[in-house]
């Protein structure tokens, strides 16, 4: 498959078109066959992304507008336009938007997902989804309950803004877009 380089978005135009109180992902890289994920995220003035940890991926955060601060390893780091912040996997971090809000681009390796393959020797007339990597967190296999029944519903772990399934069993903020989860 040949890919042709092209302009996917003009960040200034996306930010200008957003309402001042818009929060979350304004744009996401969605090209088929990509090896990266990227998101343009906007937080209105005073909004926060609560402390969280990304266990699998390093994340590069580039501030494109506004300002605020990141709290990492107990230290506060100022975020201003053109600041580039590296967030290594397993590091705990939180973000707070300043009075003018905060807009930033996150870039990281694409998350492993499901691949559709046909099972060798399978009599199934359709492709079978097979996991790329052993699931972790809420995706991990759970022991079967003696009473049987359906698996527990995980809708309370799905971000209402961007649809990401949280690895945290009791999420407060989405680690992708910063949206606050409903109180339980």
N, C-alpha and C. Protein backbone atom coordinates (compact mmCIF):
# COMPACT_ATOMS: atom_id res chain seq x y z
N UNK A 1 0.83 -1.17 0.00
CA UNK A 1 0.00 0.00 0.00
C UNK A 1 0.88 1.24 0.00
N UNK A 2 0.67 2.10 -0.96
CA UNK A 2 1.44 3.34 -1.04
C UNK A 2 0.68 4.48 -0.40
N UNK A 3 1.39 5.22 0.42
CA UNK A 3 0.79 6.37 1.08
C UNK A 3 1.43 7.63 0.51
N UNK A 4 0.62 8.64 0.30
CA UNK A 4 1.10 9.90 -0.25
C UNK A 4 1.09 10.94 0.87
N UNK A 5 2.23 11.60 1.12
CA UNK A 5 2.23 12.65 2.13
C UNK A 5 1.24 13.74 1.76
N UNK A 6 0.51 14.24 2.77
CA UNK A 6 -0.46 15.30 2.53
C UNK A 6 -0.77 16.01 3.83
N UNK A 7 -1.33 17.19 3.72
CA UNK A 7 -1.74 17.95 4.90
C UNK A 7 -3.03 17.34 5.42
N UNK A 8 -3.04 16.98 6.69
CA UNK A 8 -4.22 16.38 7.31
C UNK A 8 -5.05 17.38 8.08
N UNK A 9 -4.41 18.40 8.63
CA UNK A 9 -5.13 19.38 9.44
C UNK A 9 -4.28 20.64 9.55
N UNK A 10 -4.94 21.76 9.75
CA UNK A 10 -4.26 23.01 10.07
C UNK A 10 -4.73 23.36 11.49
N UNK A 11 -3.83 23.18 12.45
CA UNK A 11 -4.20 23.28 13.85
C UNK A 11 -4.78 24.64 14.22
N UNK A 12 -4.23 25.73 13.68
CA UNK A 12 -4.77 27.06 13.97
C UNK A 12 -6.23 27.16 13.55
N UNK A 13 -6.57 26.58 12.40
CA UNK A 13 -7.96 26.62 11.92
C UNK A 13 -8.88 25.81 12.85
N UNK A 14 -8.42 24.67 13.29
CA UNK A 14 -9.22 23.86 14.20
C UNK A 14 -9.45 24.57 15.53
N UNK A 15 -8.41 25.21 16.04
CA UNK A 15 -8.52 25.93 17.31
C UNK A 15 -9.42 27.16 17.17
N UNK A 16 -9.33 27.86 16.05
CA UNK A 16 -10.16 29.04 15.82
C UNK A 16 -11.63 28.65 15.71
N UNK A 17 -11.90 27.50 15.11
CA UNK A 17 -13.29 27.05 14.92
C UNK A 17 -13.91 26.52 16.21
N UNK A 18 -13.09 26.17 17.19
CA UNK A 18 -13.60 25.60 18.45
C UNK A 18 -14.18 26.70 19.33
N UNK A 19 -15.27 26.38 20.01
CA UNK A 19 -15.85 27.31 20.98
C UNK A 19 -14.90 27.43 22.17
N UNK A 20 -14.89 28.56 22.87
CA UNK A 20 -13.97 28.75 23.99
C UNK A 20 -14.09 27.69 25.09
N UNK A 21 -15.27 27.11 25.26
CA UNK A 21 -15.43 26.11 26.31
C UNK A 21 -15.35 24.68 25.79
N UNK A 22 -15.01 24.51 24.50
CA UNK A 22 -14.83 23.15 23.97
C UNK A 22 -13.70 22.46 24.70
N UNK A 23 -13.92 21.20 25.04
CA UNK A 23 -12.94 20.42 25.79
C UNK A 23 -12.81 19.05 25.15
N UNK A 24 -11.58 18.55 25.11
CA UNK A 24 -11.36 17.20 24.58
C UNK A 24 -10.66 17.24 23.24
N UNK A 25 -10.75 16.12 22.54
CA UNK A 25 -10.05 15.97 21.26
C UNK A 25 -10.79 16.74 20.17
N UNK A 26 -10.08 17.71 19.56
CA UNK A 26 -10.63 18.46 18.44
C UNK A 26 -10.28 17.79 17.12
N UNK A 27 -9.25 16.96 17.13
CA UNK A 27 -8.80 16.27 15.92
C UNK A 27 -8.05 15.02 16.35
N UNK A 28 -8.18 13.97 15.55
CA UNK A 28 -7.42 12.73 15.79
C UNK A 28 -6.89 12.21 14.47
N UNK A 29 -5.67 11.72 14.48
CA UNK A 29 -5.11 11.07 13.31
C UNK A 29 -5.88 9.78 13.08
N UNK A 30 -6.41 9.60 11.89
CA UNK A 30 -7.27 8.44 11.64
C UNK A 30 -6.94 7.76 10.31
N UNK A 31 -5.74 7.97 9.82
CA UNK A 31 -5.36 7.39 8.53
C UNK A 31 -5.21 5.88 8.63
N UNK A 32 -5.77 5.13 7.69
CA UNK A 32 -5.60 3.67 7.73
C UNK A 32 -4.14 3.30 7.50
N UNK A 33 -3.70 2.26 8.16
CA UNK A 33 -2.34 1.77 7.98
C UNK A 33 -1.27 2.57 8.71
N UNK A 34 -1.67 3.53 9.54
CA UNK A 34 -0.69 4.36 10.24
C UNK A 34 -0.02 3.57 11.36
N UNK A 35 1.15 4.05 11.78
CA UNK A 35 1.85 3.46 12.91
C UNK A 35 1.89 4.41 14.09
N UNK A 36 1.29 5.59 13.94
CA UNK A 36 1.25 6.59 15.00
C UNK A 36 -0.19 6.94 15.34
N UNK A 37 -0.38 7.45 16.54
CA UNK A 37 -1.62 8.10 16.93
C UNK A 37 -1.26 9.52 17.31
N UNK A 38 -2.14 10.45 16.99
CA UNK A 38 -1.94 11.85 17.37
C UNK A 38 -3.32 12.45 17.64
N UNK A 39 -3.37 13.36 18.60
CA UNK A 39 -4.62 14.02 18.98
C UNK A 39 -4.33 15.47 19.27
N UNK A 40 -5.23 16.35 18.79
CA UNK A 40 -5.20 17.75 19.21
C UNK A 40 -6.23 17.86 20.31
N UNK A 41 -5.79 18.21 21.52
CA UNK A 41 -6.65 18.26 22.69
C UNK A 41 -6.72 19.70 23.19
N UNK A 42 -7.93 20.13 23.55
CA UNK A 42 -8.09 21.46 24.10
C UNK A 42 -8.77 21.38 25.46
N UNK A 43 -8.20 22.11 26.41
CA UNK A 43 -8.79 22.25 27.74
C UNK A 43 -9.15 23.72 27.93
N UNK A 44 -10.38 24.03 28.33
CA UNK A 44 -10.72 25.43 28.60
C UNK A 44 -10.01 25.93 29.86
N UNK A 45 -10.07 27.22 30.08
CA UNK A 45 -9.40 27.85 31.23
C UNK A 45 -9.74 27.13 32.52
N UNK A 46 -8.68 26.79 33.28
CA UNK A 46 -8.84 26.17 34.59
C UNK A 46 -9.16 24.68 34.58
N UNK A 47 -9.41 24.10 33.41
CA UNK A 47 -9.75 22.68 33.34
C UNK A 47 -8.52 21.83 33.66
N UNK A 48 -8.78 20.61 34.09
CA UNK A 48 -7.70 19.72 34.48
C UNK A 48 -7.84 18.36 33.82
N UNK A 49 -6.72 17.71 33.63
CA UNK A 49 -6.67 16.28 33.35
C UNK A 49 -6.06 15.71 34.61
N UNK A 50 -6.84 14.94 35.35
CA UNK A 50 -6.38 14.42 36.64
C UNK A 50 -5.17 13.51 36.51
N UNK A 51 -4.51 13.30 37.61
CA UNK A 51 -3.32 12.45 37.61
C UNK A 51 -3.67 11.06 37.08
N UNK A 52 -2.86 10.59 36.16
CA UNK A 52 -3.05 9.28 35.56
C UNK A 52 -1.70 8.75 35.09
N UNK A 53 -1.70 7.54 34.64
CA UNK A 53 -0.47 6.87 34.21
C UNK A 53 -0.75 6.11 32.93
N UNK A 54 0.12 6.24 31.96
CA UNK A 54 0.05 5.46 30.73
C UNK A 54 1.08 4.35 30.87
N UNK A 55 0.62 3.12 30.95
CA UNK A 55 1.52 2.00 31.23
C UNK A 55 2.22 1.44 30.01
N UNK A 56 1.69 1.71 28.81
CA UNK A 56 2.19 1.01 27.63
C UNK A 56 3.02 1.91 26.71
N UNK A 57 2.65 3.19 26.59
CA UNK A 57 3.24 4.04 25.56
C UNK A 57 3.94 5.27 26.12
N UNK A 58 5.06 5.65 25.50
CA UNK A 58 5.65 6.96 25.72
C UNK A 58 4.77 7.96 24.95
N UNK A 59 4.61 9.16 25.49
CA UNK A 59 3.79 10.18 24.83
C UNK A 59 4.62 11.45 24.70
N UNK A 60 4.55 12.06 23.52
CA UNK A 60 5.16 13.36 23.30
C UNK A 60 4.02 14.37 23.28
N UNK A 61 4.09 15.40 24.13
CA UNK A 61 3.05 16.42 24.23
C UNK A 61 3.67 17.73 23.75
N UNK A 62 3.04 18.35 22.75
CA UNK A 62 3.52 19.62 22.19
C UNK A 62 2.44 20.67 22.40
N UNK A 63 2.75 21.72 23.16
CA UNK A 63 1.78 22.79 23.41
C UNK A 63 1.70 23.66 22.16
N UNK A 64 0.47 23.86 21.66
CA UNK A 64 0.29 24.67 20.45
C UNK A 64 -0.39 26.00 20.74
N UNK A 65 -1.10 26.12 21.86
CA UNK A 65 -1.75 27.40 22.19
C UNK A 65 -2.06 27.43 23.68
N UNK A 66 -2.20 28.65 24.20
CA UNK A 66 -2.54 28.80 25.61
C UNK A 66 -1.36 28.45 26.50
N UNK A 67 -1.68 27.98 27.68
CA UNK A 67 -0.64 27.62 28.62
C UNK A 67 -1.23 26.93 29.82
N UNK A 68 -0.36 26.53 30.70
CA UNK A 68 -0.78 25.84 31.91
C UNK A 68 0.42 25.19 32.56
N UNK A 69 0.16 24.09 33.22
CA UNK A 69 1.28 23.39 33.86
C UNK A 69 1.01 21.89 33.87
N UNK A 70 2.10 21.16 33.89
CA UNK A 70 2.06 19.70 34.03
C UNK A 70 2.65 19.38 35.39
N UNK A 71 2.05 18.42 36.06
CA UNK A 71 2.60 17.94 37.32
C UNK A 71 3.08 16.52 37.06
N UNK A 72 4.40 16.35 37.11
CA UNK A 72 5.02 15.05 36.87
C UNK A 72 6.05 14.79 37.94
N UNK A 73 6.00 13.59 38.51
CA UNK A 73 6.96 13.19 39.55
C UNK A 73 7.04 14.24 40.66
N UNK A 74 5.90 14.82 41.01
CA UNK A 74 5.86 15.80 42.09
C UNK A 74 6.34 17.19 41.72
N UNK A 75 6.82 17.38 40.50
CA UNK A 75 7.31 18.69 40.08
C UNK A 75 6.30 19.35 39.15
N UNK A 76 6.19 20.68 39.23
CA UNK A 76 5.33 21.43 38.32
C UNK A 76 6.18 21.98 37.19
N UNK A 77 5.74 21.73 35.97
CA UNK A 77 6.44 22.20 34.78
C UNK A 77 5.55 23.18 34.04
N UNK A 78 6.06 24.36 33.71
CA UNK A 78 5.29 25.34 32.96
C UNK A 78 5.12 24.88 31.52
N UNK A 79 3.91 25.07 31.01
CA UNK A 79 3.60 24.73 29.62
C UNK A 79 3.22 26.00 28.89
N UNK A 80 3.98 26.35 27.87
CA UNK A 80 3.71 27.52 27.04
C UNK A 80 3.78 27.07 25.59
N UNK A 81 3.23 27.87 24.66
CA UNK A 81 3.30 27.46 23.25
C UNK A 81 4.73 27.13 22.84
N UNK A 82 4.87 26.08 22.10
CA UNK A 82 6.12 25.50 21.58
C UNK A 82 6.85 24.62 22.59
N UNK A 83 6.32 24.47 23.81
CA UNK A 83 6.93 23.56 24.78
C UNK A 83 6.70 22.12 24.32
N UNK A 84 7.75 21.32 24.38
CA UNK A 84 7.65 19.90 24.05
C UNK A 84 7.97 19.12 25.32
N UNK A 85 7.03 18.27 25.73
CA UNK A 85 7.16 17.51 26.97
C UNK A 85 7.15 16.03 26.64
N UNK A 86 8.15 15.30 27.10
CA UNK A 86 8.20 13.84 26.92
C UNK A 86 7.64 13.21 28.18
N UNK A 87 6.67 12.32 28.01
CA UNK A 87 6.05 11.61 29.12
C UNK A 87 6.33 10.12 28.93
N UNK A 88 7.40 9.62 29.54
CA UNK A 88 7.73 8.20 29.36
C UNK A 88 6.66 7.31 29.96
N UNK A 89 6.49 6.14 29.37
CA UNK A 89 5.48 5.20 29.89
C UNK A 89 5.76 4.94 31.37
N UNK A 90 4.73 4.69 32.08
CA UNK A 90 4.67 4.46 33.53
C UNK A 90 4.84 5.73 34.36
N UNK A 91 5.08 6.89 33.72
CA UNK A 91 5.17 8.12 34.51
C UNK A 91 3.76 8.61 34.85
N UNK A 92 3.61 9.10 36.07
CA UNK A 92 2.32 9.68 36.49
C UNK A 92 2.34 11.15 36.10
N UNK A 93 1.19 11.64 35.60
CA UNK A 93 1.13 13.01 35.15
C UNK A 93 -0.27 13.56 35.31
N UNK A 94 -0.34 14.90 35.44
CA UNK A 94 -1.60 15.63 35.48
C UNK A 94 -1.36 16.95 34.74
N UNK A 95 -2.43 17.51 34.18
CA UNK A 95 -2.34 18.77 33.46
C UNK A 95 -3.37 19.74 34.02
N UNK A 96 -3.01 21.03 34.05
CA UNK A 96 -3.93 22.08 34.47
C UNK A 96 -3.81 23.21 33.45
N UNK A 97 -4.94 23.60 32.86
CA UNK A 97 -4.95 24.70 31.89
C UNK A 97 -4.87 26.03 32.61
N UNK A 98 -4.16 26.96 32.00
CA UNK A 98 -4.06 28.31 32.55
C UNK A 98 -5.30 29.13 32.20
N UNK A 99 -5.27 30.45 32.48
CA UNK A 99 -6.43 31.31 32.27
C UNK A 99 -6.86 31.41 30.81
N UNK A 100 -5.96 31.18 29.87
CA UNK A 100 -6.31 31.22 28.45
C UNK A 100 -6.61 29.86 27.86
N UNK A 101 -6.73 28.84 28.71
CA UNK A 101 -6.93 27.48 28.21
C UNK A 101 -5.60 26.87 27.79
N UNK A 102 -5.66 25.64 27.34
CA UNK A 102 -4.46 24.92 26.93
C UNK A 102 -4.82 24.02 25.75
N UNK A 103 -4.07 24.13 24.68
CA UNK A 103 -4.25 23.24 23.53
C UNK A 103 -2.92 22.57 23.25
N UNK A 104 -2.98 21.26 23.08
CA UNK A 104 -1.74 20.52 22.87
C UNK A 104 -1.97 19.34 21.93
N UNK A 105 -0.89 18.94 21.31
CA UNK A 105 -0.89 17.80 20.41
C UNK A 105 -0.18 16.66 21.13
N UNK A 106 -0.79 15.49 21.19
CA UNK A 106 -0.10 14.32 21.73
C UNK A 106 0.22 13.39 20.57
N UNK A 107 1.39 12.78 20.63
CA UNK A 107 1.83 11.85 19.59
C UNK A 107 2.44 10.65 20.29
N UNK A 108 2.04 9.48 19.85
CA UNK A 108 2.60 8.25 20.39
C UNK A 108 2.42 7.12 19.40
N UNK A 109 3.09 6.02 19.66
CA UNK A 109 2.93 4.81 18.87
C UNK A 109 1.47 4.42 18.86
N UNK A 110 1.02 3.84 17.79
CA UNK A 110 -0.36 3.39 17.74
C UNK A 110 -0.56 2.25 18.72
N UNK A 111 -1.67 2.28 19.42
CA UNK A 111 -1.97 1.22 20.38
C UNK A 111 -2.20 -0.09 19.66
N UNK A 112 -1.73 -1.18 20.25
CA UNK A 112 -2.02 -2.48 19.65
C UNK A 112 -3.53 -2.70 19.68
N UNK A 113 -4.04 -3.29 18.64
CA UNK A 113 -5.48 -3.55 18.57
C UNK A 113 -5.73 -4.98 18.16
N UNK A 114 -6.85 -5.20 17.54
CA UNK A 114 -7.18 -6.53 17.04
C UNK A 114 -6.84 -6.61 15.57
N UNK A 115 -6.39 -7.78 15.16
CA UNK A 115 -6.19 -8.03 13.74
C UNK A 115 -7.19 -9.07 13.30
N UNK A 116 -7.71 -8.91 12.13
CA UNK A 116 -8.66 -9.86 11.60
C UNK A 116 -7.89 -10.85 10.73
N UNK A 117 -7.96 -12.10 11.11
CA UNK A 117 -7.28 -13.14 10.36
C UNK A 117 -8.24 -14.32 10.23
N UNK A 118 -7.96 -15.18 9.27
CA UNK A 118 -8.74 -16.41 9.23
C UNK A 118 -7.93 -17.45 9.97
N UNK A 119 -8.59 -18.20 10.82
CA UNK A 119 -7.90 -19.19 11.63
C UNK A 119 -7.52 -20.38 10.76
N UNK A 120 -6.25 -20.76 10.84
CA UNK A 120 -5.80 -21.92 10.09
C UNK A 120 -6.51 -23.16 10.62
N UNK A 121 -7.07 -23.92 9.73
CA UNK A 121 -7.74 -25.14 10.14
C UNK A 121 -9.11 -24.91 10.75
N UNK A 122 -9.56 -23.66 10.77
CA UNK A 122 -10.87 -23.37 11.35
C UNK A 122 -11.95 -23.68 10.33
N UNK A 123 -13.06 -24.19 10.82
CA UNK A 123 -14.18 -24.45 9.93
C UNK A 123 -15.09 -23.23 9.83
N UNK A 124 -14.72 -22.14 10.54
CA UNK A 124 -15.54 -20.94 10.51
C UNK A 124 -15.51 -20.33 9.11
N UNK A 125 -16.67 -19.97 8.56
CA UNK A 125 -16.71 -19.41 7.21
C UNK A 125 -16.39 -17.92 7.18
N UNK A 126 -15.97 -17.34 8.30
CA UNK A 126 -15.71 -15.92 8.39
C UNK A 126 -14.39 -15.69 9.12
N UNK A 127 -13.77 -14.50 8.95
CA UNK A 127 -12.53 -14.21 9.68
C UNK A 127 -12.78 -14.17 11.18
N UNK A 128 -11.73 -14.47 11.93
CA UNK A 128 -11.80 -14.48 13.39
C UNK A 128 -10.87 -13.41 13.92
N UNK A 129 -11.34 -12.59 14.86
CA UNK A 129 -10.50 -11.56 15.48
C UNK A 129 -9.61 -12.21 16.52
N UNK A 130 -8.33 -11.91 16.42
CA UNK A 130 -7.37 -12.45 17.38
C UNK A 130 -6.60 -11.30 17.99
N UNK A 131 -6.40 -11.30 19.32
CA UNK A 131 -5.65 -10.19 19.94
C UNK A 131 -4.20 -10.18 19.49
N UNK A 132 -3.66 -8.96 19.32
CA UNK A 132 -2.27 -8.80 18.94
C UNK A 132 -1.36 -9.05 20.14
N UNK A 133 -1.76 -8.58 21.30
CA UNK A 133 -0.96 -8.75 22.51
C UNK A 133 -1.87 -9.23 23.63
N UNK A 134 -1.27 -9.79 24.66
CA UNK A 134 -2.04 -10.26 25.81
C UNK A 134 -2.72 -9.08 26.47
N UNK A 135 -4.04 -9.09 26.62
CA UNK A 135 -4.74 -7.96 27.23
C UNK A 135 -4.31 -7.74 28.67
N UNK A 136 -4.33 -6.47 29.07
CA UNK A 136 -3.98 -6.10 30.44
C UNK A 136 -5.08 -5.21 31.01
N UNK A 137 -5.02 -4.93 32.31
CA UNK A 137 -5.99 -4.06 32.95
C UNK A 137 -7.39 -4.63 32.83
N UNK A 138 -8.38 -3.77 32.52
CA UNK A 138 -9.75 -4.26 32.46
C UNK A 138 -9.98 -5.19 31.28
N UNK A 139 -9.03 -5.24 30.32
CA UNK A 139 -9.17 -6.11 29.16
C UNK A 139 -8.74 -7.54 29.47
N UNK A 140 -8.03 -7.73 30.57
CA UNK A 140 -7.49 -9.05 30.91
C UNK A 140 -8.62 -10.02 31.19
N UNK A 141 -8.33 -11.29 30.97
CA UNK A 141 -9.33 -12.32 31.25
C UNK A 141 -9.65 -12.32 32.73
N UNK A 142 -10.92 -12.45 33.02
CA UNK A 142 -11.35 -12.50 34.41
C UNK A 142 -11.74 -13.92 34.73
N UNK A 143 -11.51 -14.36 35.98
CA UNK A 143 -11.90 -15.72 36.34
C UNK A 143 -13.41 -15.89 36.18
N UNK A 144 -13.79 -17.07 35.73
CA UNK A 144 -15.22 -17.34 35.53
C UNK A 144 -15.91 -17.43 36.88
N UNK A 145 -17.07 -16.83 36.98
CA UNK A 145 -17.86 -16.91 38.21
C UNK A 145 -18.58 -18.25 38.24
N UNK A 146 -18.74 -18.80 39.44
CA UNK A 146 -19.39 -20.10 39.58
C UNK A 146 -20.82 -20.08 39.06
N UNK A 147 -21.50 -18.93 39.22
CA UNK A 147 -22.90 -18.89 38.84
C UNK A 147 -23.11 -18.68 37.34
N UNK A 148 -22.06 -18.44 36.58
CA UNK A 148 -22.20 -18.24 35.14
C UNK A 148 -22.78 -16.87 34.85
N UNK A 149 -23.39 -16.71 33.69
CA UNK A 149 -23.99 -15.44 33.31
C UNK A 149 -23.09 -14.66 32.38
N UNK A 150 -23.50 -13.43 32.09
CA UNK A 150 -22.77 -12.59 31.17
C UNK A 150 -21.61 -11.88 31.86
N UNK A 151 -20.65 -11.45 31.06
CA UNK A 151 -19.52 -10.68 31.58
C UNK A 151 -20.03 -9.34 32.09
N UNK A 152 -19.31 -8.71 33.05
CA UNK A 152 -19.77 -7.43 33.58
C UNK A 152 -19.73 -6.36 32.49
N UNK A 153 -20.66 -5.43 32.58
CA UNK A 153 -20.71 -4.31 31.65
C UNK A 153 -19.56 -3.36 31.97
N UNK A 154 -18.86 -2.89 30.95
CA UNK A 154 -17.73 -2.00 31.15
C UNK A 154 -18.02 -0.61 30.60
N UNK A 155 -19.29 -0.28 30.36
CA UNK A 155 -19.63 1.02 29.79
C UNK A 155 -19.19 2.18 30.68
N UNK A 156 -19.13 1.97 32.00
CA UNK A 156 -18.69 3.04 32.87
C UNK A 156 -17.20 3.33 32.73
N UNK A 157 -16.47 2.50 31.98
CA UNK A 157 -15.04 2.71 31.74
C UNK A 157 -14.80 3.36 30.38
N UNK A 158 -15.86 3.63 29.61
CA UNK A 158 -15.74 4.23 28.29
C UNK A 158 -15.89 5.74 28.41
N UNK A 159 -14.92 6.48 27.89
CA UNK A 159 -14.95 7.94 27.95
C UNK A 159 -16.17 8.45 27.17
N UNK A 160 -16.97 9.32 27.78
CA UNK A 160 -18.15 9.83 27.07
C UNK A 160 -17.81 10.77 25.92
N UNK A 161 -16.59 11.35 25.91
CA UNK A 161 -16.22 12.30 24.87
C UNK A 161 -15.54 11.65 23.67
N UNK A 162 -14.56 10.74 23.93
CA UNK A 162 -13.79 10.20 22.81
C UNK A 162 -13.96 8.70 22.63
N UNK A 163 -14.62 8.01 23.57
CA UNK A 163 -14.90 6.59 23.39
C UNK A 163 -13.78 5.65 23.82
N UNK A 164 -12.70 6.17 24.39
CA UNK A 164 -11.60 5.30 24.80
C UNK A 164 -11.99 4.49 26.04
N UNK A 165 -11.64 3.20 26.03
CA UNK A 165 -11.87 2.35 27.19
C UNK A 165 -10.70 2.54 28.15
N UNK A 166 -11.01 2.95 29.37
CA UNK A 166 -9.98 3.24 30.36
C UNK A 166 -9.39 1.95 30.92
N UNK A 167 -8.09 1.93 31.12
CA UNK A 167 -7.42 0.80 31.78
C UNK A 167 -7.56 0.90 33.30
N UNK A 168 -7.92 2.09 33.77
CA UNK A 168 -8.10 2.30 35.20
C UNK A 168 -9.49 1.79 35.59
N UNK A 169 -9.59 0.92 36.59
CA UNK A 169 -10.90 0.38 36.97
C UNK A 169 -11.82 1.42 37.60
N UNK A 170 -11.29 2.54 38.07
CA UNK A 170 -12.10 3.62 38.64
C UNK A 170 -11.60 4.95 38.10
N UNK A 171 -11.81 5.21 36.79
CA UNK A 171 -11.26 6.42 36.19
C UNK A 171 -11.95 7.69 36.67
N UNK A 172 -11.17 8.75 36.75
CA UNK A 172 -11.71 10.07 37.07
C UNK A 172 -11.68 10.93 35.81
N UNK A 173 -10.53 10.90 35.09
CA UNK A 173 -10.36 11.64 33.85
C UNK A 173 -9.90 10.68 32.76
N UNK A 174 -10.25 10.96 31.52
CA UNK A 174 -9.79 10.17 30.38
C UNK A 174 -8.34 10.51 30.09
N UNK A 175 -7.50 9.51 29.92
CA UNK A 175 -6.09 9.78 29.66
C UNK A 175 -5.85 10.19 28.22
N UNK A 176 -6.84 10.04 27.32
CA UNK A 176 -6.68 10.50 25.95
C UNK A 176 -7.10 11.95 25.80
N UNK A 177 -8.32 12.29 26.23
CA UNK A 177 -8.86 13.62 25.94
C UNK A 177 -9.05 14.49 27.17
N UNK A 178 -8.95 13.91 28.37
CA UNK A 178 -9.07 14.71 29.58
C UNK A 178 -10.49 14.86 30.11
N UNK A 179 -11.46 14.30 29.43
CA UNK A 179 -12.86 14.41 29.88
C UNK A 179 -13.02 13.76 31.24
N UNK A 180 -13.84 14.36 32.10
CA UNK A 180 -14.11 13.80 33.43
C UNK A 180 -15.16 12.71 33.29
N UNK A 181 -14.94 11.56 33.94
CA UNK A 181 -15.93 10.50 33.97
C UNK A 181 -17.02 10.87 34.97
N UNK A 182 -18.21 10.31 34.79
CA UNK A 182 -19.32 10.56 35.69
C UNK A 182 -18.98 10.00 37.07
N UNK A 183 -19.50 10.68 38.09
CA UNK A 183 -19.31 10.19 39.47
C UNK A 183 -20.01 8.86 39.62
N UNK A 184 -19.43 7.97 40.42
CA UNK A 184 -20.05 6.66 40.63
C UNK A 184 -20.78 6.63 41.94
